Amino acid sequence: MAADFEAIRPYHDHEVADVLQRLLHDDAFLNALTRYRFPKLASYCAPLLRALIAWRLGRELRGINSVAQLQTRIEPYVDRVIEHATDGISYSGLEHLNDQQAYLFLANHRDIVMDPAFVNYAVYHANLPTPRIAIGDNLLQKPFVSDLMRLNKSFIVHRSITGRREKLSAFQTLSAYINHSIADGHSIWIAQAEGRAKDGDDATDAAILKMFHMSRKDQAFAEVIASLNLVPVSISYEYDPCDVDKARELEIRARTGSYQKQPGEDDLSIARGITGHKGRVHIAFSRIDARQSPDAKALAQACDRAILGNYRLFPVHYLAWERWGERDDSLQVPSASSLFSATEISRAESQLNQRLARCSPAEQPYLLMQYATPVRNQYRLKLTPSA
């Protein structure tokens, strides 16, 4: 069975040392680090800086022979990056999880790297094993990126396949790998839908849920999902570092019917998402009874109730709602001033105005949409809590 997953699996412990050595001699990887660490000097003395970075990395990574050792070594650096770019991280629902159980974390998706990173952060600091992470092959165009992600327990989702038969085979393998991982005691993180919810409208794709069942078609859907210990996860960012870029893309799509990414655009989104200011962040872990959902449609609705209902709404969300031209005034949404202090509202207004100022007039409604849509979704849910 394990041989069936060679093309998508993360690296095993016995492969770690060799992959690290490969990275230390990868010019593309070292160039990327040089430009990030020394942006002003990189064009003048790149060879010297590459050698310096390779030496420093080699010293830091000496003696690492397992994924767990690597994660423990880099965790302080990851924590500093996360904490520097936020005004505080909170989480809820972890008390319902235990370290003797593997879980299928199904999360809303706003940021390419930081969504799984925040889930990792939460479970690691709760002394729970970190999950294997599903990542699309569209983000692995450089070999060193693939190496880095697979070292950090990422497995590959083949999204670039176009043929129907090939797609079906890839989904079958993916389904089998996820089921095998959970049965083998390894948790999984996967987004609730392909691609980021750039308009702020988090919705579970029933096709993802059907994929979980594909490799065990001889069993009832609810039985299979129950065995996977599904945990819906809601990740709430106060501010999205990529919100202006998303507004631009949404406006172009609405006006022209399509959007063509520029070379390196995903790389810039990843960098901005990692280092950009996010304000406060909340990660909510929910438990649902999958046995009450006989099919993918019912399960998608249950996941949406959990993810939308546990989304943490910040002052900026209510302020965006009040300015959004497409808001539904029939929803009983309280004013921002009735929920938050004057200081919080003033700070959020300043942030929102700065972001709007970076958008053209045509793009501004799409930025408001990103922050207002979670308000709409949550207050619609309040009207039909058991729908």
Protein backbone atom coordinates (compact mmCIF):
# COMPACT_ATOMS: atom_id res chain seq x y z
CA MET A 1 0.00 0.00 0.00
CA ALA A 2 2.72 2.50 0.95
CA ALA A 3 4.29 2.14 -2.51
CA ASP A 4 1.12 3.56 -4.03
CA PHE A 5 1.82 6.92 -2.36
CA GLU A 6 5.43 7.49 -3.45
CA ALA A 7 4.50 10.36 -5.78
CA ILE A 8 2.62 12.38 -3.15
CA ARG A 9 3.85 11.46 0.34
CA PRO A 10 5.98 13.60 2.71
CA TYR A 11 9.58 12.60 3.30
CA HIS A 12 10.34 9.82 5.76
CA ASP A 13 12.79 10.27 8.61
CA HIS A 14 15.57 8.32 6.90
CA GLU A 15 15.42 10.76 3.94
CA VAL A 16 15.70 13.96 5.96
CA ALA A 17 19.51 14.26 6.19
CA ASP A 18 20.01 13.75 2.43
CA VAL A 19 17.29 16.26 1.52
CA LEU A 20 18.79 18.85 3.86
CA GLN A 21 22.17 18.38 2.22
CA ARG A 22 20.56 18.79 -1.19
CA LEU A 23 18.98 22.07 -0.08
CA LEU A 24 22.31 23.37 1.23
CA HIS A 25 23.72 22.99 -2.30
CA ASP A 26 20.64 24.29 -4.16
CA ASP A 27 21.48 27.68 -5.70
CA ALA A 28 17.82 28.60 -6.26
CA PHE A 29 17.07 27.99 -2.57
CA LEU A 30 20.15 29.88 -1.39
CA ASN A 31 19.42 32.75 -3.79
CA ALA A 32 15.89 33.05 -2.42
CA LEU A 33 17.22 33.18 1.14
CA THR A 34 19.87 35.72 0.12
CA ARG A 35 17.32 38.06 -1.45
CA TYR A 36 15.05 37.73 1.59
CA ARG A 37 17.78 38.17 4.22
CA PHE A 38 19.97 40.75 2.42
CA PRO A 39 17.75 42.48 -0.19
CA LYS A 40 20.10 45.45 -0.69
CA LEU A 41 23.33 43.46 -0.83
CA ALA A 42 22.11 40.47 -2.87
CA SER A 43 22.89 42.04 -6.25
CA TYR A 44 26.45 43.00 -5.26
CA CYS A 45 27.94 40.00 -3.48
CA ALA A 46 25.49 37.13 -3.95
CA PRO A 47 28.10 34.32 -4.10
CA LEU A 48 29.64 35.35 -0.78
CA LEU A 49 26.25 35.73 0.88
CA ARG A 50 25.08 32.34 -0.47
CA ALA A 51 28.16 30.72 1.01
CA LEU A 52 27.60 32.46 4.34
CA ILE A 53 23.95 31.38 4.49
CA ALA A 54 24.80 27.80 3.51
CA TRP A 55 27.42 27.65 6.27
CA ARG A 56 25.05 29.06 8.89
CA LEU A 57 22.25 26.72 7.85
CA GLY A 58 24.58 23.73 7.83
CA ARG A 59 25.60 24.52 11.39
CA GLU A 60 21.97 24.97 12.51
CA LEU A 61 20.80 21.75 10.87
CA ARG A 62 23.72 19.54 11.88
CA GLY A 63 22.63 16.31 13.53
CA ILE A 64 19.01 16.46 12.35
CA ASN A 65 17.86 13.03 11.17
CA SER A 66 14.07 13.09 11.52
CA VAL A 67 11.07 15.26 10.70
CA ALA A 68 10.28 15.68 14.39
CA GLN A 69 13.82 16.90 15.11
CA LEU A 70 13.57 19.35 12.22
CA GLN A 71 10.21 20.72 13.38
CA THR A 72 11.52 21.10 16.94
CA ARG A 73 14.59 22.96 15.67
CA ILE A 74 12.70 25.40 13.44
CA GLU A 75 9.71 25.89 15.75
CA PRO A 76 11.23 28.88 17.61
CA TYR A 77 11.87 30.63 14.28
CA VAL A 78 8.35 29.88 13.05
CA ASP A 79 6.92 31.13 16.34
CA ARG A 80 8.85 34.40 16.04
CA VAL A 81 7.62 34.96 12.48
CA ILE A 82 4.01 34.20 13.49
CA GLU A 83 4.07 36.29 16.62
CA HIS A 84 5.84 39.23 14.96
CA ALA A 85 3.13 39.43 12.29
CA THR A 86 0.16 39.20 14.69
CA ASP A 87 -1.26 41.10 17.65
CA GLY A 88 -2.06 37.88 19.47
CA ILE A 89 -3.20 34.34 18.71
CA SER A 90 -6.05 32.59 20.47
CA TYR A 91 -7.63 29.21 19.98
CA SER A 92 -10.62 27.24 21.20
CA GLY A 93 -11.80 23.64 21.10
CA LEU A 94 -8.41 21.99 21.61
CA GLU A 95 -9.62 20.59 24.91
CA HIS A 96 -11.77 18.15 22.93
CA LEU A 97 -8.71 16.62 21.18
CA ASN A 98 -6.15 14.17 22.54
CA ASP A 99 -2.69 13.02 21.54
CA GLN A 100 -3.75 9.38 21.16
CA GLN A 101 -6.06 10.13 18.23
CA ALA A 102 -5.45 11.15 14.62
CA TYR A 103 -7.78 13.79 13.15
CA LEU A 104 -8.82 15.07 9.76
CA PHE A 105 -8.63 18.86 10.11
CA LEU A 106 -10.88 20.47 7.48
CA ALA A 107 -10.24 24.23 7.45
CA ASN A 108 -11.41 27.36 5.73
CA HIS A 109 -8.75 28.70 3.38
CA ARG A 110 -7.55 32.31 3.21
CA ASP A 111 -3.75 32.10 3.10
CA ILE A 112 -1.54 29.67 1.19
CA VAL A 113 1.01 28.99 3.92
CA MET A 114 -0.32 30.54 7.12
CA ASP A 115 -3.60 28.59 7.36
CA PRO A 116 -1.87 25.25 8.01
CA ALA A 117 0.94 27.04 9.88
CA PHE A 118 -1.51 28.44 12.44
CA VAL A 119 -3.15 25.03 12.89
CA ASN A 120 0.33 23.53 13.36
CA TYR A 121 1.15 26.29 15.86
CA ALA A 122 -1.98 25.57 17.88
CA VAL A 123 -1.66 21.79 18.02
CA TYR A 124 2.12 21.86 18.60
CA HIS A 125 1.74 24.14 21.61
CA ALA A 126 -1.08 21.93 22.89
CA ASN A 127 1.37 18.98 22.81
CA LEU A 128 -0.53 17.27 20.01
CA PRO A 129 1.19 15.72 16.96
CA THR A 130 1.32 18.09 14.00
CA PRO A 131 -0.69 17.03 10.93
CA ARG A 132 0.37 16.12 7.44
CA ILE A 133 -0.55 19.03 5.17
CA ALA A 134 -2.27 18.86 1.77
CA ILE A 135 -0.68 21.25 -0.73
CA GLY A 136 -1.47 21.75 -4.41
CA ASP A 137 1.20 20.89 -6.96
CA ASN A 138 0.67 24.31 -8.57
CA LEU A 139 2.67 25.76 -5.66
CA LEU A 140 5.59 23.37 -6.09
CA GLN A 141 7.05 24.62 -9.35
CA LYS A 142 10.58 24.90 -7.90
CA PRO A 143 12.24 21.69 -6.67
CA PHE A 144 13.48 23.33 -3.45
CA VAL A 145 9.94 24.43 -2.56
CA SER A 146 8.76 20.84 -2.96
CA ASP A 147 11.64 19.65 -0.76
CA LEU A 148 10.86 22.20 1.95
CA MET A 149 7.17 21.39 2.02
CA ARG A 150 7.65 17.61 2.00
CA LEU A 151 10.17 17.94 4.84
CA ASN A 152 7.43 19.67 6.83
CA LYS A 153 4.94 16.80 6.46
CA SER A 154 3.27 18.12 3.31
CA PHE A 155 1.77 15.74 0.76
CA ILE A 156 0.92 16.66 -2.79
CA VAL A 157 -2.53 17.19 -4.28
CA HIS A 158 -2.29 16.94 -8.08
CA ARG A 159 -4.44 19.84 -9.27
CA SER A 160 -2.71 20.45 -12.60
CA ILE A 161 -3.95 17.17 -14.09
CA THR A 162 -6.52 17.82 -16.83
CA GLY A 163 -7.58 14.40 -18.14
CA ARG A 164 -10.76 12.99 -16.58
CA ARG A 165 -9.36 9.48 -16.11
CA GLU A 166 -6.09 10.83 -14.69
CA LYS A 167 -7.98 13.11 -12.30
CA LEU A 168 -10.10 10.24 -11.07
CA SER A 169 -6.99 8.13 -10.46
CA ALA A 170 -5.28 10.99 -8.60
CA PHE A 171 -8.31 11.54 -6.36
CA GLN A 172 -8.51 7.81 -5.68
CA THR A 173 -4.87 7.79 -4.58
CA LEU A 174 -5.39 10.92 -2.48
CA SER A 175 -8.43 9.38 -0.79
CA ALA A 176 -6.53 6.19 -0.04
CA TYR A 177 -3.57 8.16 1.34
CA ILE A 178 -5.74 10.23 3.69
CA ASN A 179 -7.57 7.15 4.96
CA HIS A 180 -4.26 5.27 5.35
CA SER A 181 -2.70 8.17 7.26
CA ILE A 182 -5.56 8.47 9.75
CA ALA A 183 -5.64 4.70 10.28
CA ASP A 184 -1.88 4.79 10.84
CA GLY A 185 -2.18 7.51 13.50
CA HIS A 186 -1.18 10.56 11.45
CA SER A 187 -3.48 13.61 11.41
CA ILE A 188 -4.25 15.46 8.16
CA TRP A 189 -4.86 19.14 7.34
CA ILE A 190 -6.77 19.97 4.16
CA ALA A 191 -8.68 23.02 2.96
CA GLN A 192 -12.48 22.86 2.71
CA ALA A 193 -12.30 23.86 -0.97
CA GLU A 194 -9.70 24.16 -3.70
CA GLY A 195 -8.11 27.62 -3.72
CA ARG A 196 -8.42 30.48 -1.27
CA ALA A 197 -11.80 32.06 -0.48
CA LYS A 198 -10.68 35.41 -1.88
CA ASP A 199 -14.13 36.97 -1.46
CA GLY A 200 -14.35 35.91 2.20
CA ASP A 201 -17.11 33.39 1.46
CA ASP A 202 -16.01 30.21 3.24
CA ALA A 203 -17.92 27.20 1.91
CA THR A 204 -17.20 23.48 2.08
CA ASP A 205 -16.96 21.79 -1.31
CA ALA A 206 -18.97 18.55 -1.21
CA ALA A 207 -16.58 17.12 -3.83
CA ILE A 208 -13.76 17.23 -1.26
CA LEU A 209 -15.92 15.24 1.16
CA LYS A 210 -16.84 12.72 -1.54
CA MET A 211 -13.13 12.27 -2.24
CA PHE A 212 -12.57 11.10 1.35
CA HIS A 213 -15.02 8.25 0.66
CA MET A 214 -13.76 7.25 -2.82
CA SER A 215 -11.27 4.62 -1.69
CA ARG A 216 -13.80 2.92 0.62
CA LYS A 217 -16.91 2.87 -1.56
CA ASP A 218 -17.95 -0.50 -0.14
CA GLN A 219 -18.68 1.19 3.20
CA ALA A 220 -21.42 3.69 4.07
CA PHE A 221 -20.42 7.33 3.65
CA ALA A 222 -21.20 8.27 7.26
CA GLU A 223 -19.25 5.28 8.57
CA VAL A 224 -16.13 6.24 6.61
CA ILE A 225 -16.27 9.90 7.65
CA ALA A 226 -16.81 8.95 11.30
CA SER A 227 -13.65 6.81 11.20
CA LEU A 228 -11.64 9.81 9.96
CA ASN A 229 -12.44 11.89 13.07
CA LEU A 230 -13.34 14.99 11.09
CA VAL A 231 -12.58 18.29 12.86
CA PRO A 232 -13.81 21.47 11.11
CA VAL A 233 -11.38 24.34 11.76
CA SER A 234 -12.22 28.02 11.48
CA ILE A 235 -9.25 30.37 11.03
CA SER A 236 -10.11 34.04 11.54
CA TYR A 237 -7.71 36.83 10.59
CA GLU A 238 -8.40 40.35 11.78
CA TYR A 239 -6.56 41.68 8.71
CA ASP A 240 -5.53 39.88 5.53
CA PRO A 241 -2.10 41.00 4.25
CA CYS A 242 -3.18 40.01 0.72
CA ASP A 243 -6.58 41.76 0.80
CA VAL A 244 -5.66 44.50 -1.70
CA ASP A 245 -4.24 41.95 -4.15
CA LYS A 246 -7.37 39.84 -3.81
CA ALA A 247 -9.59 42.89 -4.40
CA ARG A 248 -7.69 43.65 -7.59
CA GLU A 249 -8.06 40.07 -8.83
CA LEU A 250 -11.78 39.98 -8.01
CA GLU A 251 -12.40 43.26 -9.85
CA ILE A 252 -10.53 42.07 -12.95
CA ARG A 253 -12.43 38.77 -12.94
CA ALA A 254 -15.76 40.58 -12.61
CA ARG A 255 -14.91 43.01 -15.40
CA THR A 256 -13.22 40.69 -17.90
CA GLY A 257 -14.43 37.22 -16.93
CA SER A 258 -10.95 35.85 -16.16
CA TYR A 259 -7.68 36.57 -14.41
CA GLN A 260 -4.19 35.63 -15.56
CA LYS A 261 -1.59 35.28 -12.82
CA GLN A 262 1.78 36.87 -13.47
CA PRO A 263 5.01 34.83 -13.09
CA GLY A 264 6.03 34.72 -9.45
CA GLU A 265 2.65 35.98 -8.22
CA ASP A 266 2.10 32.98 -5.94
CA ASP A 267 5.58 33.48 -4.47
CA LEU A 268 4.77 37.11 -3.66
CA SER A 269 1.43 36.08 -2.10
CA ILE A 270 3.22 33.51 0.05
CA ALA A 271 5.82 36.04 1.23
CA ARG A 272 3.22 38.74 1.92
CA GLY A 273 0.97 36.27 3.71
CA ILE A 274 3.80 35.13 5.98
CA THR A 275 5.33 38.49 6.88
CA GLY A 276 2.36 40.87 6.54
CA HIS A 277 0.48 42.22 9.56
CA LYS A 278 -2.58 40.14 10.45
CA GLY A 279 -3.79 41.78 13.65
CA ARG A 280 -5.40 39.24 15.93
CA VAL A 281 -5.87 35.62 14.83
CA HIS A 282 -8.27 33.03 16.24
CA ILE A 283 -8.29 29.30 15.44
CA ALA A 284 -11.43 27.36 16.45
CA PHE A 285 -11.53 23.55 16.44
CA SER A 286 -15.00 21.97 16.32
CA ARG A 287 -16.33 18.44 16.69
CA ILE A 288 -19.31 17.22 14.69
CA ASP A 289 -21.12 13.88 14.64
CA ALA A 290 -20.43 12.65 11.11
CA ARG A 291 -22.86 9.77 11.63
CA GLN A 292 -25.68 12.31 11.39
CA SER A 293 -24.66 13.20 7.82
CA PRO A 294 -25.63 10.40 5.41
CA ASP A 295 -24.15 12.09 2.34
CA ALA A 296 -21.64 14.75 1.26
CA LYS A 297 -24.23 17.50 0.92
CA ALA A 298 -25.46 17.07 4.50
CA LEU A 299 -21.90 16.86 5.79
CA ALA A 300 -20.90 20.02 3.91
CA GLN A 301 -23.76 21.85 5.60
CA ALA A 302 -22.64 20.58 9.02
CA CYS A 303 -19.06 21.68 8.35
CA ASP A 304 -20.23 25.10 7.20
CA ARG A 305 -22.27 25.55 10.37
CA ALA A 306 -19.20 24.75 12.46
CA ILE A 307 -16.73 26.86 10.46
CA LEU A 308 -18.97 29.89 9.93
CA GLY A 309 -20.44 29.74 13.41
CA ASN A 310 -17.03 29.73 15.07
CA TYR A 311 -15.48 32.41 12.87
CA ARG A 312 -14.23 35.23 15.12
CA LEU A 313 -15.58 38.54 13.87
CA PHE A 314 -13.39 41.56 14.65
CA PRO A 315 -14.32 45.29 14.54
CA VAL A 316 -13.09 45.63 10.94
CA HIS A 317 -15.65 43.03 9.81
CA TYR A 318 -18.57 45.01 11.24
CA LEU A 319 -17.21 48.30 9.87
CA ALA A 320 -16.88 46.76 6.41
CA TRP A 321 -20.42 45.41 6.69
CA GLU A 322 -21.74 48.90 7.48
CA ARG A 323 -20.03 50.30 4.37
CA TRP A 324 -20.77 47.40 2.02
CA GLY A 325 -23.24 48.37 -0.68
CA GLU A 326 -24.48 44.77 -1.07
CA ARG A 327 -25.25 44.09 2.59
CA ASP A 328 -28.55 42.43 3.46
CA ASP A 329 -30.35 44.88 5.72
CA SER A 330 -32.88 42.23 6.73
CA LEU A 331 -30.18 40.57 8.85
CA GLN A 332 -30.13 41.71 12.46
CA VAL A 333 -26.46 42.71 12.58
CA PRO A 334 -25.56 44.92 15.56
CA SER A 335 -23.49 48.03 14.98
CA ALA A 336 -19.76 47.97 15.59
CA SER A 337 -20.15 50.70 18.21
CA SER A 338 -22.48 48.48 20.27
CA LEU A 339 -19.95 45.62 20.38
CA PHE A 340 -16.53 47.22 20.67
CA SER A 341 -14.80 50.07 22.46
CA ALA A 342 -14.22 53.42 20.80
CA THR A 343 -10.48 52.72 20.83
CA GLU A 344 -10.89 49.41 18.98
CA ILE A 345 -13.22 50.96 16.42
CA SER A 346 -10.90 53.90 15.81
CA ARG A 347 -7.96 51.55 15.24
CA ALA A 348 -9.99 49.35 12.88
CA GLU A 349 -11.31 52.34 10.93
CA SER A 350 -7.77 53.55 10.40
CA GLN A 351 -6.64 50.15 9.12
CA LEU A 352 -9.65 49.76 6.85
CA ASN A 353 -9.21 53.25 5.40
CA GLN A 354 -5.53 52.59 4.69
CA ARG A 355 -6.42 49.44 2.79
CA LEU A 356 -9.20 51.11 0.82
CA ALA A 357 -6.82 53.94 -0.11
CA ARG A 358 -4.55 51.39 -1.79
CA CYS A 359 -7.44 50.25 -4.01
CA SER A 360 -8.91 51.96 -7.05
CA PRO A 361 -12.57 53.06 -6.68
CA ALA A 362 -13.60 50.01 -8.74
CA GLU A 363 -11.66 47.66 -6.44
CA GLN A 364 -12.87 49.08 -3.11
CA PRO A 365 -16.22 47.19 -3.04
CA TYR A 366 -14.29 43.93 -3.44
CA LEU A 367 -12.09 44.71 -0.46
CA LEU A 368 -15.16 45.52 1.65
CA MET A 369 -16.73 42.26 0.47
CA GLN A 370 -13.84 40.21 1.87
CA TYR A 371 -14.42 41.54 5.40
CA ALA A 372 -18.21 41.87 5.23
CA THR A 373 -19.05 38.42 3.86
CA PRO A 374 -18.16 36.54 7.09
CA VAL A 375 -20.61 38.83 8.92
CA ARG A 376 -23.37 38.01 6.45
CA ASN A 377 -22.65 34.29 6.65
CA GLN A 378 -22.61 34.17 10.43
CA TYR A 379 -25.80 36.18 10.92
CA ARG A 380 -27.61 34.16 8.25
CA LEU A 381 -26.58 31.11 10.23
CA LYS A 382 -28.09 32.59 13.38
CA LEU A 383 -31.47 32.69 11.62
CA THR A 384 -31.32 28.96 10.78
CA PRO A 385 -28.99 27.35 13.35
CA SER A 386 -30.14 23.80 12.59
CA ALA A 387 -30.58 24.14 8.84
